[in-house]
Amino acid sequence: QVQLVESGGGSVQAGGSLRLSCTASGNIYDARCVAWFRQAPGKEREWVANIYTSYGTTSYADSVKGRFTISRDNAKNMVFLQMNSLKPEDAGMYYCATRPGGGGSCWTYAAAYAYWGQGTQVTVSL
């Protein structure tokens, strides 16, 4: 089993920044995919970004490309999501998710991920 805990959410004005953290514990594979998803009220869960922890390979949804940066600290089993130039449409509950494997290329759909955190709320106001 793997446990994930997100932190760093909060309320910001449009144009502001937040840094989310995801800390993993338990039976962690060295080579794994970690992804961030978000879900706004009444909407489906949406993939935001992912990282393959062994290589540091990253991928982003078009809606956040150039504004968000995903990174990792393998020694601390942590993954971060730096979010800049936030927009009201970025608001929602942000979840990190993980699964072993990926071979350097990670999945972008929620069903591929076996382990999820409880989420951290992001609110963006005008």
C-alpha atoms as a PDB file:
ATOM      1  CA  GLN A   1       0.000   0.000   0.000  1.00  0.00           C
ATOM      2  CA  VAL A   2       1.009   3.573  -0.672  1.00  0.00           C
ATOM      3  CA  GLN A   3      -0.240   6.585   1.226  1.00  0.00           C
ATOM      4  CA  LEU A   4      -0.283  10.059  -0.316  1.00  0.00           C
ATOM      5  CA  VAL A   5      -0.796  13.331   1.499  1.00  0.00           C
ATOM      6  CA  GLU A   6      -1.257  16.619  -0.349  1.00  0.00           C
ATOM      7  CA  SER A   7      -0.693  20.049   1.131  1.00  0.00           C
ATOM      8  CA  GLY A   8      -0.217  23.631   0.048  1.00  0.00           C
ATOM      9  CA  GLY A   9      -3.655  24.521  -1.191  1.00  0.00           C
ATOM     10  CA  GLY A  10      -5.302  27.791  -0.312  1.00  0.00           C
ATOM     11  CA  SER A  11      -6.980  30.918  -1.605  1.00  0.00           C
ATOM     12  CA  VAL A  12      -5.223  33.325  -3.935  1.00  0.00           C
ATOM     13  CA  GLN A  13      -6.142  36.111  -6.277  1.00  0.00           C
ATOM     14  CA  ALA A  14      -5.925  35.625  -9.997  1.00  0.00           C
ATOM     15  CA  GLY A  15      -2.335  35.982 -11.117  1.00  0.00           C
ATOM     16  CA  GLY A  16      -1.024  34.610  -7.857  1.00  0.00           C
ATOM     17  CA  SER A  17       0.953  31.462  -7.117  1.00  0.00           C
ATOM     18  CA  LEU A  18       0.697  28.368  -4.986  1.00  0.00           C
ATOM     19  CA  ARG A  19       2.972  25.400  -4.467  1.00  0.00           C
ATOM     20  CA  LEU A  20       1.357  22.069  -3.797  1.00  0.00           C
ATOM     21  CA  SER A  21       3.190  19.172  -2.217  1.00  0.00           C
ATOM     22  CA  CYS A  22       2.507  15.458  -2.325  1.00  0.00           C
ATOM     23  CA  THR A  23       4.268  13.240   0.191  1.00  0.00           C
ATOM     24  CA  ALA A  24       4.310   9.487  -0.311  1.00  0.00           C
ATOM     25  CA  SER A  25       4.848   6.777   2.251  1.00  0.00           C
ATOM     26  CA  GLY A  26       4.488   3.043   2.404  1.00  0.00           C
ATOM     27  CA  ASN A  27       5.477   0.565  -0.281  1.00  0.00           C
ATOM     28  CA  ILE A  28       6.928   3.064  -2.725  1.00  0.00           C
ATOM     29  CA  TYR A  29       8.464   1.976  -5.982  1.00  0.00           C
ATOM     30  CA  ASP A  30      11.528   3.917  -7.055  1.00  0.00           C
ATOM     31  CA  ALA A  31      10.291   4.033 -10.624  1.00  0.00           C
ATOM     32  CA  ARG A  32       6.779   5.348 -10.597  1.00  0.00           C
ATOM     33  CA  CYS A  33       4.452   7.843 -12.132  1.00  0.00           C
ATOM     34  CA  VAL A  34       3.047  10.618 -10.003  1.00  0.00           C
ATOM     35  CA  ALA A  35       0.290  12.766 -11.391  1.00  0.00           C
ATOM     36  CA  TRP A  36      -1.738  15.745 -10.322  1.00  0.00           C
ATOM     37  CA  PHE A  37      -5.421  15.853 -11.123  1.00  0.00           C
ATOM     38  CA  ARG A  38      -7.999  18.469 -10.269  1.00  0.00           C
ATOM     39  CA  GLN A  39     -11.739  18.502  -9.981  1.00  0.00           C
ATOM     40  CA  ALA A  40     -14.042  21.490  -9.878  1.00  0.00           C
ATOM     41  CA  PRO A  41     -17.604  21.195  -8.550  1.00  0.00           C
ATOM     42  CA  GLY A  42     -19.866  19.593 -11.124  1.00  0.00           C
ATOM     43  CA  LYS A  43     -16.988  18.697 -13.420  1.00  0.00           C
ATOM     44  CA  GLU A  44     -15.048  15.553 -14.120  1.00  0.00           C
ATOM     45  CA  ARG A  45     -11.628  14.951 -12.653  1.00  0.00           C
ATOM     46  CA  GLU A  46      -9.054  16.466 -15.001  1.00  0.00           C
ATOM     47  CA  TRP A  47      -5.434  15.502 -15.463  1.00  0.00           C
ATOM     48  CA  VAL A  48      -3.033  18.399 -14.866  1.00  0.00           C
ATOM     49  CA  ALA A  49       0.535  17.102 -14.983  1.00  0.00           C
ATOM     50  CA  ASN A  50       2.652  14.066 -14.307  1.00  0.00           C
ATOM     51  CA  ILE A  51       6.225  13.089 -13.666  1.00  0.00           C
ATOM     52  CA  TYR A  52       8.145   9.848 -13.974  1.00  0.00           C
ATOM     53  CA  THR A  53      10.211   9.881 -10.834  1.00  0.00           C
ATOM     54  CA  SER A  54      13.231   7.960 -12.105  1.00  0.00           C
ATOM     55  CA  TYR A  55      13.952  10.158 -15.104  1.00  0.00           C
ATOM     56  CA  GLY A  56      12.169  13.324 -14.108  1.00  0.00           C
ATOM     57  CA  THR A  57      10.217  13.209 -17.352  1.00  0.00           C
ATOM     58  CA  THR A  58       7.244  15.564 -17.196  1.00  0.00           C
ATOM     59  CA  SER A  59       4.052  16.172 -19.119  1.00  0.00           C
ATOM     60  CA  TYR A  60       1.388  18.864 -18.827  1.00  0.00           C
ATOM     61  CA  ALA A  61      -2.151  19.516 -19.873  1.00  0.00           C
ATOM     62  CA  ASP A  62      -2.369  22.270 -22.465  1.00  0.00           C
ATOM     63  CA  SER A  63      -4.421  24.390 -20.081  1.00  0.00           C
ATOM     64  CA  VAL A  64      -1.529  24.688 -17.603  1.00  0.00           C
ATOM     65  CA  LYS A  65       1.501  24.446 -19.851  1.00  0.00           C
ATOM     66  CA  GLY A  66       3.886  27.329 -19.262  1.00  0.00           C
ATOM     67  CA  ARG A  67       2.268  28.220 -15.930  1.00  0.00           C
ATOM     68  CA  PHE A  68       2.604  25.056 -13.829  1.00  0.00           C
ATOM     69  CA  THR A  69       5.749  23.089 -13.070  1.00  0.00           C
ATOM     70  CA  ILE A  70       5.864  19.597 -11.614  1.00  0.00           C
ATOM     71  CA  SER A  71       9.037  18.451  -9.863  1.00  0.00           C
ATOM     72  CA  ARG A  72      10.168  15.814  -7.436  1.00  0.00           C
ATOM     73  CA  ASP A  73      12.503  15.194  -4.526  1.00  0.00           C
ATOM     74  CA  ASN A  74      13.109  11.462  -4.601  1.00  0.00           C
ATOM     75  CA  ALA A  75      15.081  11.474  -1.362  1.00  0.00           C
ATOM     76  CA  LYS A  76      12.005  12.791   0.453  1.00  0.00           C
ATOM     77  CA  ASN A  77       9.426  10.915  -1.643  1.00  0.00           C
ATOM     78  CA  MET A  78       7.816  14.200  -2.515  1.00  0.00           C
ATOM     79  CA  VAL A  79       6.373  15.676  -5.668  1.00  0.00           C
ATOM     80  CA  PHE A  80       5.547  19.337  -6.075  1.00  0.00           C
ATOM     81  CA  LEU A  81       3.283  21.367  -8.302  1.00  0.00           C
ATOM     82  CA  GLN A  82       4.315  24.989  -8.649  1.00  0.00           C
ATOM     83  CA  MET A  83       1.358  26.937  -9.955  1.00  0.00           C
ATOM     84  CA  ASN A  84       1.926  30.441 -11.283  1.00  0.00           C
ATOM     85  CA  SER A  85      -0.329  32.955 -13.004  1.00  0.00           C
ATOM     86  CA  LEU A  86      -3.357  31.257 -11.519  1.00  0.00           C
ATOM     87  CA  LYS A  87      -6.726  31.781 -13.139  1.00  0.00           C
ATOM     88  CA  PRO A  88     -10.225  31.316 -11.703  1.00  0.00           C
ATOM     89  CA  GLU A  89     -10.628  28.255 -13.916  1.00  0.00           C
ATOM     90  CA  ASP A  90      -7.698  26.618 -12.078  1.00  0.00           C
ATOM     91  CA  ALA A  91      -9.771  26.404  -8.908  1.00  0.00           C
ATOM     92  CA  GLY A  92     -10.800  23.023  -7.559  1.00  0.00           C
ATOM     93  CA  MET A  93      -9.676  20.131  -5.451  1.00  0.00           C
ATOM     94  CA  TYR A  94      -6.210  18.999  -6.419  1.00  0.00           C
ATOM     95  CA  TYR A  95      -5.255  15.361  -5.985  1.00  0.00           C
ATOM     96  CA  CYS A  96      -1.990  13.584  -6.404  1.00  0.00           C
ATOM     97  CA  ALA A  97      -1.976  10.006  -7.572  1.00  0.00           C
ATOM     98  CA  THR A  98       0.658   7.393  -8.165  1.00  0.00           C
ATOM     99  CA  ARG A  99       1.320   3.960  -9.564  1.00  0.00           C
ATOM    100  CA  PRO A 100       4.471   1.966 -10.181  1.00  0.00           C
ATOM    101  CA  GLY A 101       6.019   1.625 -13.598  1.00  0.00           C
ATOM    102  CA  GLY A 102       5.382   3.725 -16.674  1.00  0.00           C
ATOM    103  CA  GLY A 103       8.699   3.141 -18.422  1.00  0.00           C
ATOM    104  CA  GLY A 104       9.351   6.853 -18.653  1.00  0.00           C
ATOM    105  CA  SER A 105       5.932   7.775 -20.003  1.00  0.00           C
ATOM    106  CA  CYS A 106       3.071   8.287 -17.596  1.00  0.00           C
ATOM    107  CA  TRP A 107      -0.643   7.936 -17.972  1.00  0.00           C
ATOM    108  CA  THR A 108      -2.964  10.918 -18.215  1.00  0.00           C
ATOM    109  CA  TYR A 109      -6.244   9.316 -17.160  1.00  0.00           C
ATOM    110  CA  ALA A 110      -7.424   8.759 -13.616  1.00  0.00           C
ATOM    111  CA  ALA A 111      -8.277   5.076 -13.934  1.00  0.00           C
ATOM    112  CA  ALA A 112      -4.604   4.265 -14.506  1.00  0.00           C
ATOM    113  CA  TYR A 113      -3.631   5.342 -11.001  1.00  0.00           C
ATOM    114  CA  ALA A 114      -4.050   3.019  -8.063  1.00  0.00           C
ATOM    115  CA  TYR A 115      -3.256   5.303  -5.172  1.00  0.00           C
ATOM    116  CA  TRP A 116      -4.718   8.712  -4.383  1.00  0.00           C
ATOM    117  CA  GLY A 117      -4.396  11.365  -1.757  1.00  0.00           C
ATOM    118  CA  GLN A 118      -7.295  13.082  -0.036  1.00  0.00           C
ATOM    119  CA  GLY A 119      -6.882  16.303  -1.995  1.00  0.00           C
ATOM    120  CA  THR A 120      -6.082  19.914  -1.241  1.00  0.00           C
ATOM    121  CA  GLN A 121      -8.388  22.781  -2.138  1.00  0.00           C
ATOM    122  CA  VAL A 122      -7.332  25.616  -4.412  1.00  0.00           C
ATOM    123  CA  THR A 123      -9.489  28.728  -4.687  1.00  0.00           C
ATOM    124  CA  VAL A 124      -8.713  31.511  -7.155  1.00  0.00           C
ATOM    125  CA  SER A 125     -10.630  34.773  -6.981  1.00  0.00           C
ATOM    126  CA  LEU A 126     -10.757  37.688  -9.367  1.00  0.00           C
END
